[in-house]
Amino acid sequence: MSDTEKPEKPLNELLSTSLVDIYIGPESTHWVLHEKLLCYHSPFFTRTFYNNKSQSASSKTFGVPESDDLPFELLVGWLYSKALRYPEEEKDVGPLLDLYFLAEKFEMAKLAEDVVETVRAFYHNNETYPGLRRVQYVYANTGEDNQMREMMVSSVARYLTLADSMPPHWERALKKNGQLAVDIIRSIQEWHLEGRSVPDARDASQDRGRKVGFSGVEEGSSLGSVKEEDSEHKINGSS
């Protein structure tokens, strides 16, 4: 911890008697939360429930009709326990991504960081990579210089670099989404590879590493079984 950082307040100091009403989703699921705790972790809610003179606002109600119940339930769990539910399988990553978007919306930086680390740990521990649909979902809901986007695209950059060939669905996606292709190249540049470890197409004496043409995708290779519907990729190239 740096000299400028303050130690985080313990939970007991944030459980004030003042409560707020939060309504989630189209069914308006009702949550009653401690105002001080919520505002301590969220500048967004501080502005919502307090005016410019730091006085309590008259309304203690806020609705998020566009959110699903589960991501907000995960947010509440983190708020009171500082713990996240580790995903047991890949489908459990979806609610975590939605939780991440809520954390971004509510300016809960520590929660967003914890979600990124949980998703990162899941893919690493299971020796898998984010699938195309996950990456596209993150791109559709985030901007540049975003933690989750950078983690996802860096993982995909490694996956595609180590693959024997380009999976057809990724090839189509990169042709359509120039920004994603640029981000993957930038991610690879950040590896700062030594020149001698990268094949040199200008040197006729070297094995330049090109086994098939740029327009060809080897059928029957270790990636030939990759399906567009797959949501994750194994490190060994199968899925």
C-alpha atoms as a PDB file:
ATOM      1  CA  MET A   1       0.000   0.000   0.000  1.00  0.00           C
ATOM      2  CA  SER A   2       1.404   3.431  -0.948  1.00  0.00           C
ATOM      3  CA  ASP A   3       1.657   6.376   1.442  1.00  0.00           C
ATOM      4  CA  THR A   4      -1.219   8.120  -0.336  1.00  0.00           C
ATOM      5  CA  GLU A   5      -3.591   5.154  -0.071  1.00  0.00           C
ATOM      6  CA  LYS A   6      -5.882   4.968   2.919  1.00  0.00           C
ATOM      7  CA  PRO A   7      -6.739   1.669   4.559  1.00  0.00           C
ATOM      8  CA  GLU A   8     -10.186   0.458   3.625  1.00  0.00           C
ATOM      9  CA  LYS A   9     -12.870   1.003   6.211  1.00  0.00           C
ATOM     10  CA  PRO A  10     -14.094  -2.158   7.953  1.00  0.00           C
ATOM     11  CA  LEU A  11     -17.608  -3.361   7.249  1.00  0.00           C
ATOM     12  CA  ASN A  12     -18.934  -2.519  10.727  1.00  0.00           C
ATOM     13  CA  GLU A  13     -18.184   1.168  10.171  1.00  0.00           C
ATOM     14  CA  LEU A  14     -20.235   1.217   6.980  1.00  0.00           C
ATOM     15  CA  LEU A  15     -23.432  -0.431   8.238  1.00  0.00           C
ATOM     16  CA  SER A  16     -25.317   2.756   9.054  1.00  0.00           C
ATOM     17  CA  THR A  17     -28.990   2.926   9.945  1.00  0.00           C
ATOM     18  CA  SER A  18     -29.751   4.787   6.711  1.00  0.00           C
ATOM     19  CA  LEU A  19     -30.959   2.450   3.971  1.00  0.00           C
ATOM     20  CA  VAL A  20     -31.648   2.823   0.240  1.00  0.00           C
ATOM     21  CA  ASP A  21     -34.057   0.995  -2.039  1.00  0.00           C
ATOM     22  CA  ILE A  22     -32.672  -0.403  -5.295  1.00  0.00           C
ATOM     23  CA  TYR A  23     -34.988  -1.944  -7.903  1.00  0.00           C
ATOM     24  CA  ILE A  24     -33.437  -4.304 -10.440  1.00  0.00           C
ATOM     25  CA  GLY A  25     -34.679  -5.634 -13.766  1.00  0.00           C
ATOM     26  CA  PRO A  26     -38.035  -5.460 -15.550  1.00  0.00           C
ATOM     27  CA  GLU A  27     -39.694  -7.136 -12.545  1.00  0.00           C
ATOM     28  CA  SER A  28     -38.260  -4.475 -10.193  1.00  0.00           C
ATOM     29  CA  THR A  29     -36.640  -6.917  -7.763  1.00  0.00           C
ATOM     30  CA  HIS A  30     -36.321  -4.950  -4.523  1.00  0.00           C
ATOM     31  CA  TRP A  31     -33.026  -4.706  -2.647  1.00  0.00           C
ATOM     32  CA  VAL A  32     -32.607  -2.778   0.607  1.00  0.00           C
ATOM     33  CA  LEU A  33     -28.957  -1.827   1.085  1.00  0.00           C
ATOM     34  CA  HIS A  34     -26.940   0.180   3.591  1.00  0.00           C
ATOM     35  CA  GLU A  35     -26.518   3.630   2.108  1.00  0.00           C
ATOM     36  CA  LYS A  36     -23.108   4.359   3.607  1.00  0.00           C
ATOM     37  CA  LEU A  37     -21.680   1.030   2.431  1.00  0.00           C
ATOM     38  CA  LEU A  38     -22.984   1.449  -1.108  1.00  0.00           C
ATOM     39  CA  CYS A  39     -21.792   5.032  -1.430  1.00  0.00           C
ATOM     40  CA  TYR A  40     -18.384   4.221   0.055  1.00  0.00           C
ATOM     41  CA  HIS A  41     -17.687   1.872  -2.846  1.00  0.00           C
ATOM     42  CA  SER A  42     -19.541   3.793  -5.560  1.00  0.00           C
ATOM     43  CA  PRO A  43     -19.031   7.478  -6.458  1.00  0.00           C
ATOM     44  CA  PHE A  44     -22.017   7.030  -8.775  1.00  0.00           C
ATOM     45  CA  PHE A  45     -24.353   6.341  -5.869  1.00  0.00           C
ATOM     46  CA  THR A  46     -22.736   9.066  -3.778  1.00  0.00           C
ATOM     47  CA  ARG A  47     -23.792  11.563  -6.441  1.00  0.00           C
ATOM     48  CA  THR A  48     -27.194   9.890  -6.689  1.00  0.00           C
ATOM     49  CA  PHE A  49     -28.070  10.026  -2.997  1.00  0.00           C
ATOM     50  CA  TYR A  50     -26.292  13.244  -2.006  1.00  0.00           C
ATOM     51  CA  ASN A  51     -26.481  16.724  -3.465  1.00  0.00           C
ATOM     52  CA  ASN A  52     -23.583  19.089  -4.106  1.00  0.00           C
ATOM     53  CA  LYS A  53     -23.558  20.246  -0.485  1.00  0.00           C
ATOM     54  CA  SER A  54     -23.024  16.682   0.745  1.00  0.00           C
ATOM     55  CA  GLN A  55     -26.505  16.696   2.162  1.00  0.00           C
ATOM     56  CA  SER A  56     -28.720  13.667   1.908  1.00  0.00           C
ATOM     57  CA  ALA A  57     -31.003  13.718  -1.112  1.00  0.00           C
ATOM     58  CA  SER A  58     -34.735  13.466  -0.597  1.00  0.00           C
ATOM     59  CA  SER A  59     -35.046  10.297  -2.674  1.00  0.00           C
ATOM     60  CA  LYS A  60     -33.433   7.083  -1.474  1.00  0.00           C
ATOM     61  CA  THR A  61     -34.670   5.019  -4.407  1.00  0.00           C
ATOM     62  CA  PHE A  62     -32.894   4.001  -7.596  1.00  0.00           C
ATOM     63  CA  GLY A  63     -33.889   1.655 -10.414  1.00  0.00           C
ATOM     64  CA  VAL A  64     -31.810  -0.344 -12.888  1.00  0.00           C
ATOM     65  CA  PRO A  65     -34.462  -1.863 -15.182  1.00  0.00           C
ATOM     66  CA  GLU A  66     -31.944  -2.925 -17.829  1.00  0.00           C
ATOM     67  CA  SER A  67     -30.010  -5.201 -15.464  1.00  0.00           C
ATOM     68  CA  ASP A  68     -30.649  -8.884 -14.800  1.00  0.00           C
ATOM     69  CA  ASP A  69     -31.126 -10.066 -11.230  1.00  0.00           C
ATOM     70  CA  LEU A  70     -28.110 -12.366 -10.973  1.00  0.00           C
ATOM     71  CA  PRO A  71     -25.358  -9.809 -11.737  1.00  0.00           C
ATOM     72  CA  PHE A  72     -26.754  -7.431  -9.130  1.00  0.00           C
ATOM     73  CA  GLU A  73     -27.059 -10.292  -6.649  1.00  0.00           C
ATOM     74  CA  LEU A  74     -23.352 -10.917  -7.210  1.00  0.00           C
ATOM     75  CA  LEU A  75     -22.691  -7.211  -6.670  1.00  0.00           C
ATOM     76  CA  VAL A  76     -24.528  -7.277  -3.345  1.00  0.00           C
ATOM     77  CA  GLY A  77     -22.627 -10.398  -2.301  1.00  0.00           C
ATOM     78  CA  TRP A  78     -19.320  -8.673  -3.025  1.00  0.00           C
ATOM     79  CA  LEU A  79     -20.465  -5.502  -1.273  1.00  0.00           C
ATOM     80  CA  TYR A  80     -20.984  -7.292   2.044  1.00  0.00           C
ATOM     81  CA  SER A  81     -18.358 -10.033   1.823  1.00  0.00           C
ATOM     82  CA  LYS A  82     -15.707  -8.739  -0.610  1.00  0.00           C
ATOM     83  CA  ALA A  83     -15.864 -12.150  -2.266  1.00  0.00           C
ATOM     84  CA  LEU A  84     -16.944 -13.267  -5.714  1.00  0.00           C
ATOM     85  CA  ARG A  85     -18.495 -16.563  -6.699  1.00  0.00           C
ATOM     86  CA  TYR A  86     -15.803 -18.444  -8.645  1.00  0.00           C
ATOM     87  CA  PRO A  87     -17.235 -19.838 -11.912  1.00  0.00           C
ATOM     88  CA  GLU A  88     -17.578 -23.615 -11.898  1.00  0.00           C
ATOM     89  CA  GLU A  89     -17.861 -23.770 -15.687  1.00  0.00           C
ATOM     90  CA  GLU A  90     -17.594 -21.460 -18.666  1.00  0.00           C
ATOM     91  CA  LYS A  91     -21.282 -20.537 -18.743  1.00  0.00           C
ATOM     92  CA  ASP A  92     -20.816 -18.948 -15.310  1.00  0.00           C
ATOM     93  CA  VAL A  93     -18.508 -16.344 -16.862  1.00  0.00           C
ATOM     94  CA  GLY A  94     -21.491 -14.610 -18.513  1.00  0.00           C
ATOM     95  CA  PRO A  95     -22.999 -13.235 -15.267  1.00  0.00           C
ATOM     96  CA  LEU A  96     -19.534 -12.120 -14.189  1.00  0.00           C
ATOM     97  CA  LEU A  97     -19.194 -10.070 -17.364  1.00  0.00           C
ATOM     98  CA  ASP A  98     -22.578  -8.468 -16.678  1.00  0.00           C
ATOM     99  CA  LEU A  99     -21.395  -7.786 -13.127  1.00  0.00           C
ATOM    100  CA  TYR A 100     -18.313  -6.129 -14.583  1.00  0.00           C
ATOM    101  CA  PHE A 101     -20.466  -3.836 -16.720  1.00  0.00           C
ATOM    102  CA  LEU A 102     -22.464  -2.881 -13.607  1.00  0.00           C
ATOM    103  CA  ALA A 103     -19.234  -2.138 -11.757  1.00  0.00           C
ATOM    104  CA  GLU A 104     -18.200   0.120 -14.625  1.00  0.00           C
ATOM    105  CA  LYS A 105     -21.590   1.854 -14.623  1.00  0.00           C
ATOM    106  CA  PHE A 106     -21.531   2.424 -10.872  1.00  0.00           C
ATOM    107  CA  GLU A 107     -17.806   3.382 -10.854  1.00  0.00           C
ATOM    108  CA  MET A 108     -16.888   0.568  -8.474  1.00  0.00           C
ATOM    109  CA  ALA A 109     -13.228   0.263  -9.448  1.00  0.00           C
ATOM    110  CA  LYS A 110     -12.246  -2.375  -6.900  1.00  0.00           C
ATOM    111  CA  LEU A 111     -15.164  -4.604  -7.843  1.00  0.00           C
ATOM    112  CA  ALA A 112     -14.320  -4.288 -11.546  1.00  0.00           C
ATOM    113  CA  GLU A 113     -10.721  -5.244 -10.807  1.00  0.00           C
ATOM    114  CA  ASP A 114     -11.812  -8.264  -8.762  1.00  0.00           C
ATOM    115  CA  VAL A 115     -14.087  -9.461 -11.573  1.00  0.00           C
ATOM    116  CA  VAL A 116     -11.287  -9.212 -14.130  1.00  0.00           C
ATOM    117  CA  GLU A 117      -8.981 -11.222 -11.881  1.00  0.00           C
ATOM    118  CA  THR A 118     -11.670 -13.867 -11.282  1.00  0.00           C
ATOM    119  CA  VAL A 119     -12.321 -14.310 -15.012  1.00  0.00           C
ATOM    120  CA  ARG A 120      -8.596 -14.336 -15.717  1.00  0.00           C
ATOM    121  CA  ALA A 121      -8.034 -17.004 -13.068  1.00  0.00           C
ATOM    122  CA  PHE A 122     -10.851 -19.156 -14.459  1.00  0.00           C
ATOM    123  CA  TYR A 123      -9.401 -19.302 -17.976  1.00  0.00           C
ATOM    124  CA  HIS A 124      -5.864 -19.820 -16.683  1.00  0.00           C
ATOM    125  CA  ASN A 125      -6.750 -22.511 -14.162  1.00  0.00           C
ATOM    126  CA  ASN A 126      -8.849 -24.393 -16.709  1.00  0.00           C
ATOM    127  CA  GLU A 127      -6.263 -23.990 -19.490  1.00  0.00           C
ATOM    128  CA  THR A 128      -8.811 -22.378 -21.787  1.00  0.00           C
ATOM    129  CA  TYR A 129      -9.179 -19.091 -23.630  1.00  0.00           C
ATOM    130  CA  PRO A 130     -12.129 -16.705 -24.096  1.00  0.00           C
ATOM    131  CA  GLY A 131     -14.247 -17.617 -27.105  1.00  0.00           C
ATOM    132  CA  LEU A 132     -15.272 -15.267 -29.881  1.00  0.00           C
ATOM    133  CA  ARG A 133     -18.728 -14.609 -28.473  1.00  0.00           C
ATOM    134  CA  ARG A 134     -17.302 -13.571 -25.107  1.00  0.00           C
ATOM    135  CA  VAL A 135     -14.848 -11.204 -26.757  1.00  0.00           C
ATOM    136  CA  GLN A 136     -17.514  -9.682 -28.998  1.00  0.00           C
ATOM    137  CA  TYR A 137     -19.807  -9.195 -25.989  1.00  0.00           C
ATOM    138  CA  VAL A 138     -17.082  -7.369 -24.083  1.00  0.00           C
ATOM    139  CA  TYR A 139     -16.255  -5.196 -27.101  1.00  0.00           C
ATOM    140  CA  ALA A 140     -19.917  -4.278 -27.506  1.00  0.00           C
ATOM    141  CA  ASN A 141     -20.157  -3.080 -23.903  1.00  0.00           C
ATOM    142  CA  THR A 142     -16.797  -1.434 -23.232  1.00  0.00           C
ATOM    143  CA  GLY A 143     -14.569   1.253 -24.666  1.00  0.00           C
ATOM    144  CA  GLU A 144     -10.839   1.469 -25.290  1.00  0.00           C
ATOM    145  CA  ASP A 145      -8.352   1.211 -22.396  1.00  0.00           C
ATOM    146  CA  ASN A 146     -10.652  -1.150 -20.558  1.00  0.00           C
ATOM    147  CA  GLN A 147      -9.328  -3.814 -18.170  1.00  0.00           C
ATOM    148  CA  MET A 148     -11.623  -6.617 -19.230  1.00  0.00           C
ATOM    149  CA  ARG A 149     -11.198  -5.874 -22.918  1.00  0.00           C
ATOM    150  CA  GLU A 150      -7.408  -5.816 -22.606  1.00  0.00           C
ATOM    151  CA  MET A 151      -7.344  -9.097 -20.682  1.00  0.00           C
ATOM    152  CA  MET A 152      -9.614 -10.783 -23.221  1.00  0.00           C
ATOM    153  CA  VAL A 153      -7.774  -9.560 -26.307  1.00  0.00           C
ATOM    154  CA  SER A 154      -4.361 -10.395 -24.824  1.00  0.00           C
ATOM    155  CA  SER A 155      -5.546 -13.929 -24.125  1.00  0.00           C
ATOM    156  CA  VAL A 156      -6.887 -14.297 -27.658  1.00  0.00           C
ATOM    157  CA  ALA A 157      -3.635 -12.933 -29.085  1.00  0.00           C
ATOM    158  CA  ARG A 158      -1.762 -15.754 -27.355  1.00  0.00           C
ATOM    159  CA  TYR A 159      -4.313 -18.333 -28.457  1.00  0.00           C
ATOM    160  CA  LEU A 160      -4.135 -17.343 -32.121  1.00  0.00           C
ATOM    161  CA  THR A 161      -0.344 -16.970 -32.099  1.00  0.00           C
ATOM    162  CA  LEU A 162       0.182 -20.479 -30.746  1.00  0.00           C
ATOM    163  CA  ALA A 163      -2.473 -22.056 -32.964  1.00  0.00           C
ATOM    164  CA  ASP A 164      -1.526 -24.188 -35.965  1.00  0.00           C
ATOM    165  CA  SER A 165      -4.018 -22.352 -38.179  1.00  0.00           C
ATOM    166  CA  MET A 166      -6.675 -19.655 -38.094  1.00  0.00           C
ATOM    167  CA  PRO A 167     -10.086 -20.912 -36.911  1.00  0.00           C
ATOM    168  CA  PRO A 168     -12.639 -19.987 -39.608  1.00  0.00           C
ATOM    169  CA  HIS A 169     -14.944 -18.053 -37.251  1.00  0.00           C
ATOM    170  CA  TRP A 170     -12.051 -15.978 -35.941  1.00  0.00           C
ATOM    171  CA  GLU A 171     -10.891 -15.301 -39.499  1.00  0.00           C
ATOM    172  CA  ARG A 172     -14.320 -13.977 -40.426  1.00  0.00           C
ATOM    173  CA  ALA A 173     -14.568 -11.904 -37.249  1.00  0.00           C
ATOM    174  CA  LEU A 174     -11.176 -10.262 -37.724  1.00  0.00           C
ATOM    175  CA  LYS A 175     -12.015  -9.376 -41.317  1.00  0.00           C
ATOM    176  CA  LYS A 176     -15.172  -7.610 -40.116  1.00  0.00           C
ATOM    177  CA  ASN A 177     -13.805  -6.010 -36.958  1.00  0.00           C
ATOM    178  CA  GLY A 178     -10.680  -4.068 -37.809  1.00  0.00           C
ATOM    179  CA  GLN A 179     -10.343  -2.669 -34.284  1.00  0.00           C
ATOM    180  CA  LEU A 180     -10.162  -6.147 -32.785  1.00  0.00           C
ATOM    181  CA  ALA A 181      -7.467  -7.125 -35.300  1.00  0.00           C
ATOM    182  CA  VAL A 182      -5.479  -3.979 -34.481  1.00  0.00           C
ATOM    183  CA  ASP A 183      -5.813  -4.618 -30.743  1.00  0.00           C
ATOM    184  CA  ILE A 184      -4.500  -8.165 -31.159  1.00  0.00           C
ATOM    185  CA  ILE A 185      -1.434  -6.861 -33.022  1.00  0.00           C
ATOM    186  CA  ARG A 186      -0.864  -4.235 -30.337  1.00  0.00           C
ATOM    187  CA  SER A 187      -1.117  -6.901 -27.671  1.00  0.00           C
ATOM    188  CA  ILE A 188       1.528  -9.000 -29.417  1.00  0.00           C
ATOM    189  CA  GLN A 189       3.776  -5.930 -29.695  1.00  0.00           C
ATOM    190  CA  GLU A 190       3.566  -5.513 -25.930  1.00  0.00           C
ATOM    191  CA  TRP A 191       5.263  -8.891 -25.529  1.00  0.00           C
ATOM    192  CA  HIS A 192       8.500  -7.215 -26.738  1.00  0.00           C
ATOM    193  CA  LEU A 193       9.691 -10.371 -28.455  1.00  0.00           C
ATOM    194  CA  GLU A 194      13.346 -10.677 -29.343  1.00  0.00           C
ATOM    195  CA  GLY A 195      13.934 -10.478 -33.076  1.00  0.00           C
ATOM    196  CA  ARG A 196      15.725 -13.816 -33.173  1.00  0.00           C
ATOM    197  CA  SER A 197      12.639 -15.587 -31.788  1.00  0.00           C
ATOM    198  CA  VAL A 198      10.445 -14.375 -34.671  1.00  0.00           C
ATOM    199  CA  PRO A 199      10.793 -15.955 -38.145  1.00  0.00           C
ATOM    200  CA  ASP A 200      12.267 -13.530 -40.697  1.00  0.00           C
ATOM    201  CA  ALA A 201      10.569 -13.807 -44.102  1.00  0.00           C
ATOM    202  CA  ARG A 202      13.427 -11.802 -45.661  1.00  0.00           C
ATOM    203  CA  ASP A 203      16.032 -14.432 -44.794  1.00  0.00           C
ATOM    204  CA  ALA A 204      15.976 -17.282 -47.349  1.00  0.00           C
ATOM    205  CA  SER A 205      18.201 -19.432 -45.129  1.00  0.00           C
ATOM    206  CA  GLN A 206      15.589 -19.601 -42.347  1.00  0.00           C
ATOM    207  CA  ASP A 207      12.524 -21.747 -41.915  1.00  0.00           C
ATOM    208  CA  ARG A 208      10.047 -18.917 -42.139  1.00  0.00           C
ATOM    209  CA  GLY A 209       7.316 -20.876 -40.404  1.00  0.00           C
ATOM    210  CA  ARG A 210       4.632 -20.504 -43.071  1.00  0.00           C
ATOM    211  CA  LYS A 211       3.005 -23.876 -43.600  1.00  0.00           C
ATOM    212  CA  VAL A 212      -0.112 -22.809 -45.529  1.00  0.00           C
ATOM    213  CA  GLY A 213      -1.133 -19.772 -47.535  1.00  0.00           C
ATOM    214  CA  PHE A 214      -2.700 -16.794 -45.788  1.00  0.00           C
ATOM    215  CA  SER A 215      -6.066 -17.583 -47.361  1.00  0.00           C
ATOM    216  CA  GLY A 216      -5.980 -21.262 -46.466  1.00  0.00           C
ATOM    217  CA  VAL A 217      -7.187 -22.894 -43.281  1.00  0.00           C
ATOM    218  CA  GLU A 218      -5.953 -26.430 -42.821  1.00  0.00           C
ATOM    219  CA  GLU A 219      -8.748 -28.920 -42.508  1.00  0.00           C
ATOM    220  CA  GLY A 220      -8.005 -31.707 -40.093  1.00  0.00           C
ATOM    221  CA  SER A 221      -5.387 -29.697 -38.198  1.00  0.00           C
ATOM    222  CA  SER A 222      -5.477 -29.370 -34.436  1.00  0.00           C
ATOM    223  CA  LEU A 223      -7.866 -26.469 -34.851  1.00  0.00           C
ATOM    224  CA  GLY A 224      -9.990 -28.021 -37.564  1.00  0.00           C
ATOM    225  CA  SER A 225     -12.569 -29.102 -35.024  1.00  0.00           C
ATOM    226  CA  VAL A 226     -13.134 -25.637 -33.647  1.00  0.00           C
ATOM    227  CA  LYS A 227     -16.818 -24.728 -33.966  1.00  0.00           C
ATOM    228  CA  GLU A 228     -18.330 -21.290 -34.172  1.00  0.00           C
ATOM    229  CA  GLU A 229     -20.665 -22.088 -31.315  1.00  0.00           C
ATOM    230  CA  ASP A 230     -17.792 -22.859 -28.932  1.00  0.00           C
ATOM    231  CA  SER A 231     -17.437 -20.407 -26.069  1.00  0.00           C
ATOM    232  CA  GLU A 232     -13.886 -21.302 -25.035  1.00  0.00           C
ATOM    233  CA  HIS A 233     -10.695 -22.725 -26.443  1.00  0.00           C
ATOM    234  CA  LYS A 234      -8.236 -25.201 -24.980  1.00  0.00           C
ATOM    235  CA  ILE A 235      -4.573 -24.257 -24.789  1.00  0.00           C
ATOM    236  CA  ASN A 236      -3.535 -27.254 -26.852  1.00  0.00           C
ATOM    237  CA  GLY A 237      -5.536 -25.918 -29.780  1.00  0.00           C
ATOM    238  CA  SER A 238      -8.580 -28.147 -29.462  1.00  0.00           C
ATOM    239  CA  SER A 239     -11.816 -26.846 -28.064  1.00  0.00           C
END
